[in-house]
Amino acid sequence: MDRPITVGDVAEWLKNAGQHVHYSSAKTTLNTLTEKGYLKKRSIGRANAFAAALSKEEFDRRVVGGVLSGLLRNYRSPLIASLAETMAHDAESLQEFERLLAEQRERGER
């Protein structure tokens, strides 16, 4: 998001994209994303303006981390087996994984 947007901006953008969404639904969604820490909210006159609270990298890390936590908790063995199978055929990904794992282990030893 380059600039803060209002609920009206979101509703109008969705309408132009062929997705009719009620103003109240857009407002609820933006407020929920604010409560979860994905957006920041500030008042501009009578309207609230919303902006990204996280960088793209932070957002990606948070989303992927949430998905993986659930998968590890509920599907640990199939997840690890699938990763091993995939990385066995992708040397570049395996090398990157090994490097990241070594970095994490090094941080843990400090």
C-alpha atoms as a PDB file:
ATOM      1  CA  MET A   1       0.000   0.000   0.000  1.00  0.00           C
ATOM      2  CA  ASP A   2       1.630   3.224  -1.128  1.00  0.00           C
ATOM      3  CA  ARG A   3      -0.718   5.533   0.711  1.00  0.00           C
ATOM      4  CA  PRO A   4      -3.322   5.137   3.446  1.00  0.00           C
ATOM      5  CA  ILE A   5      -6.755   4.124   2.175  1.00  0.00           C
ATOM      6  CA  THR A   6     -10.234   4.535   3.631  1.00  0.00           C
ATOM      7  CA  VAL A   7     -13.075   2.057   3.888  1.00  0.00           C
ATOM      8  CA  GLY A   8     -14.765   3.946   1.067  1.00  0.00           C
ATOM      9  CA  ASP A   9     -11.647   3.514  -1.111  1.00  0.00           C
ATOM     10  CA  VAL A  10     -11.709  -0.241  -0.541  1.00  0.00           C
ATOM     11  CA  ALA A  11     -15.447  -0.559  -1.198  1.00  0.00           C
ATOM     12  CA  GLU A  12     -15.119   1.500  -4.402  1.00  0.00           C
ATOM     13  CA  TRP A  13     -12.077  -0.468  -5.614  1.00  0.00           C
ATOM     14  CA  LEU A  14     -13.907  -3.762  -5.046  1.00  0.00           C
ATOM     15  CA  LYS A  15     -17.018  -2.443  -6.803  1.00  0.00           C
ATOM     16  CA  ASN A  16     -14.898  -1.408  -9.827  1.00  0.00           C
ATOM     17  CA  ALA A  17     -13.343  -4.884  -9.806  1.00  0.00           C
ATOM     18  CA  GLY A  18     -16.818  -6.423 -10.039  1.00  0.00           C
ATOM     19  CA  GLN A  19     -16.988  -7.445  -6.372  1.00  0.00           C
ATOM     20  CA  HIS A  20     -19.846  -5.677  -4.645  1.00  0.00           C
ATOM     21  CA  VAL A  21     -19.074  -5.499  -0.931  1.00  0.00           C
ATOM     22  CA  HIS A  22     -21.118  -3.571   1.585  1.00  0.00           C
ATOM     23  CA  TYR A  23     -19.351  -0.658   3.275  1.00  0.00           C
ATOM     24  CA  SER A  24     -19.894  -2.292   6.680  1.00  0.00           C
ATOM     25  CA  SER A  25     -18.248  -5.542   5.519  1.00  0.00           C
ATOM     26  CA  ALA A  26     -15.207  -3.667   4.228  1.00  0.00           C
ATOM     27  CA  LYS A  27     -15.027  -1.722   7.507  1.00  0.00           C
ATOM     28  CA  THR A  28     -15.237  -4.893   9.607  1.00  0.00           C
ATOM     29  CA  THR A  29     -12.515  -6.570   7.547  1.00  0.00           C
ATOM     30  CA  LEU A  30     -10.156  -3.588   7.778  1.00  0.00           C
ATOM     31  CA  ASN A  31     -10.726  -3.307  11.537  1.00  0.00           C
ATOM     32  CA  THR A  32     -10.077  -7.043  11.984  1.00  0.00           C
ATOM     33  CA  LEU A  33      -6.823  -6.766  10.016  1.00  0.00           C
ATOM     34  CA  THR A  34      -5.874  -3.829  12.248  1.00  0.00           C
ATOM     35  CA  GLU A  35      -6.586  -5.844  15.410  1.00  0.00           C
ATOM     36  CA  LYS A  36      -4.426  -8.673  14.072  1.00  0.00           C
ATOM     37  CA  GLY A  37      -1.538  -6.276  13.436  1.00  0.00           C
ATOM     38  CA  TYR A  38      -1.585  -6.340   9.639  1.00  0.00           C
ATOM     39  CA  LEU A  39      -2.820  -2.740   9.264  1.00  0.00           C
ATOM     40  CA  LYS A  40      -2.394   0.553  11.120  1.00  0.00           C
ATOM     41  CA  LYS A  41      -5.363   2.889  11.515  1.00  0.00           C
ATOM     42  CA  ARG A  42      -5.495   6.642  12.010  1.00  0.00           C
ATOM     43  CA  SER A  43      -8.237   9.234  11.798  1.00  0.00           C
ATOM     44  CA  ILE A  44      -8.382  11.658   8.900  1.00  0.00           C
ATOM     45  CA  GLY A  45     -11.282  13.977   9.567  1.00  0.00           C
ATOM     46  CA  ARG A  46     -14.352  11.805   9.971  1.00  0.00           C
ATOM     47  CA  ALA A  47     -12.816   8.826   8.171  1.00  0.00           C
ATOM     48  CA  ASN A  48     -10.310   6.228   9.256  1.00  0.00           C
ATOM     49  CA  ALA A  49      -7.292   5.666   7.044  1.00  0.00           C
ATOM     50  CA  PHE A  50      -5.570   2.305   6.925  1.00  0.00           C
ATOM     51  CA  ALA A  51      -2.002   1.489   5.934  1.00  0.00           C
ATOM     52  CA  ALA A  52       0.170  -1.611   5.976  1.00  0.00           C
ATOM     53  CA  ALA A  53       1.722  -2.286   9.373  1.00  0.00           C
ATOM     54  CA  LEU A  54       4.190  -4.850   8.034  1.00  0.00           C
ATOM     55  CA  SER A  55       6.640  -4.940   5.170  1.00  0.00           C
ATOM     56  CA  LYS A  56       5.970  -7.495   2.431  1.00  0.00           C
ATOM     57  CA  GLU A  57       8.738  -9.687   3.866  1.00  0.00           C
ATOM     58  CA  GLU A  58       7.315  -9.494   7.408  1.00  0.00           C
ATOM     59  CA  PHE A  59       3.830 -10.272   6.115  1.00  0.00           C
ATOM     60  CA  ASP A  60       5.070 -13.277   4.132  1.00  0.00           C
ATOM     61  CA  ARG A  61       7.034 -14.572   7.125  1.00  0.00           C
ATOM     62  CA  ARG A  62       4.021 -14.230   9.425  1.00  0.00           C
ATOM     63  CA  VAL A  63       1.600 -15.934   7.031  1.00  0.00           C
ATOM     64  CA  VAL A  64       3.932 -18.787   6.131  1.00  0.00           C
ATOM     65  CA  GLY A  65       4.917 -19.232   9.776  1.00  0.00           C
ATOM     66  CA  GLY A  66       1.266 -19.508  10.772  1.00  0.00           C
ATOM     67  CA  VAL A  67       0.525 -22.077   8.087  1.00  0.00           C
ATOM     68  CA  LEU A  68       3.614 -24.139   8.889  1.00  0.00           C
ATOM     69  CA  SER A  69       2.953 -24.077  12.641  1.00  0.00           C
ATOM     70  CA  GLY A  70      -0.451 -25.621  12.066  1.00  0.00           C
ATOM     71  CA  LEU A  71       0.907 -28.179   9.624  1.00  0.00           C
ATOM     72  CA  LEU A  72       3.734 -29.164  11.988  1.00  0.00           C
ATOM     73  CA  ARG A  73       1.328 -29.463  14.886  1.00  0.00           C
ATOM     74  CA  ASN A  74      -1.213 -31.605  13.023  1.00  0.00           C
ATOM     75  CA  TYR A  75       0.721 -33.235  10.159  1.00  0.00           C
ATOM     76  CA  ARG A  76       4.353 -33.323  11.285  1.00  0.00           C
ATOM     77  CA  SER A  77       5.466 -36.586   9.614  1.00  0.00           C
ATOM     78  CA  PRO A  78       3.691 -36.060   6.255  1.00  0.00           C
ATOM     79  CA  LEU A  79       4.972 -32.462   6.080  1.00  0.00           C
ATOM     80  CA  ILE A  80       8.584 -33.439   6.749  1.00  0.00           C
ATOM     81  CA  ALA A  81       8.332 -36.366   4.307  1.00  0.00           C
ATOM     82  CA  SER A  82       6.926 -34.091   1.606  1.00  0.00           C
ATOM     83  CA  LEU A  83       9.669 -31.489   2.155  1.00  0.00           C
ATOM     84  CA  ALA A  84      12.346 -34.196   2.023  1.00  0.00           C
ATOM     85  CA  GLU A  85      10.909 -35.632  -1.196  1.00  0.00           C
ATOM     86  CA  THR A  86      10.705 -32.219  -2.829  1.00  0.00           C
ATOM     87  CA  MET A  87      14.174 -31.099  -1.753  1.00  0.00           C
ATOM     88  CA  ALA A  88      15.761 -34.377  -2.800  1.00  0.00           C
ATOM     89  CA  HIS A  89      15.012 -33.336  -6.387  1.00  0.00           C
ATOM     90  CA  ASP A  90      15.834 -29.630  -5.998  1.00  0.00           C
ATOM     91  CA  ALA A  91      19.488 -29.096  -5.126  1.00  0.00           C
ATOM     92  CA  GLU A  92      19.178 -25.303  -4.962  1.00  0.00           C
ATOM     93  CA  SER A  93      16.316 -25.407  -2.442  1.00  0.00           C
ATOM     94  CA  LEU A  94      18.098 -28.051  -0.392  1.00  0.00           C
ATOM     95  CA  GLN A  95      21.257 -25.942  -0.280  1.00  0.00           C
ATOM     96  CA  GLU A  96      19.271 -22.873   0.822  1.00  0.00           C
ATOM     97  CA  PHE A  97      17.434 -24.920   3.469  1.00  0.00           C
ATOM     98  CA  GLU A  98      20.696 -26.313   4.853  1.00  0.00           C
ATOM     99  CA  ARG A  99      22.190 -22.799   5.005  1.00  0.00           C
ATOM    100  CA  LEU A 100      19.144 -21.401   6.833  1.00  0.00           C
ATOM    101  CA  LEU A 101      19.075 -24.356   9.221  1.00  0.00           C
ATOM    102  CA  ALA A 102      22.765 -23.838  10.048  1.00  0.00           C
ATOM    103  CA  GLU A 103      22.081 -20.123  10.718  1.00  0.00           C
ATOM    104  CA  GLN A 104      19.219 -20.984  13.057  1.00  0.00           C
ATOM    105  CA  ARG A 105      21.330 -23.522  14.931  1.00  0.00           C
ATOM    106  CA  GLU A 106      24.147 -20.992  15.275  1.00  0.00           C
ATOM    107  CA  ARG A 107      21.746 -18.407  16.719  1.00  0.00           C
ATOM    108  CA  GLY A 108      20.445 -20.996  19.153  1.00  0.00           C
ATOM    109  CA  GLU A 109      23.932 -21.706  20.473  1.00  0.00           C
ATOM    110  CA  ARG A 110      24.554 -18.066  21.383  1.00  0.00           C
END
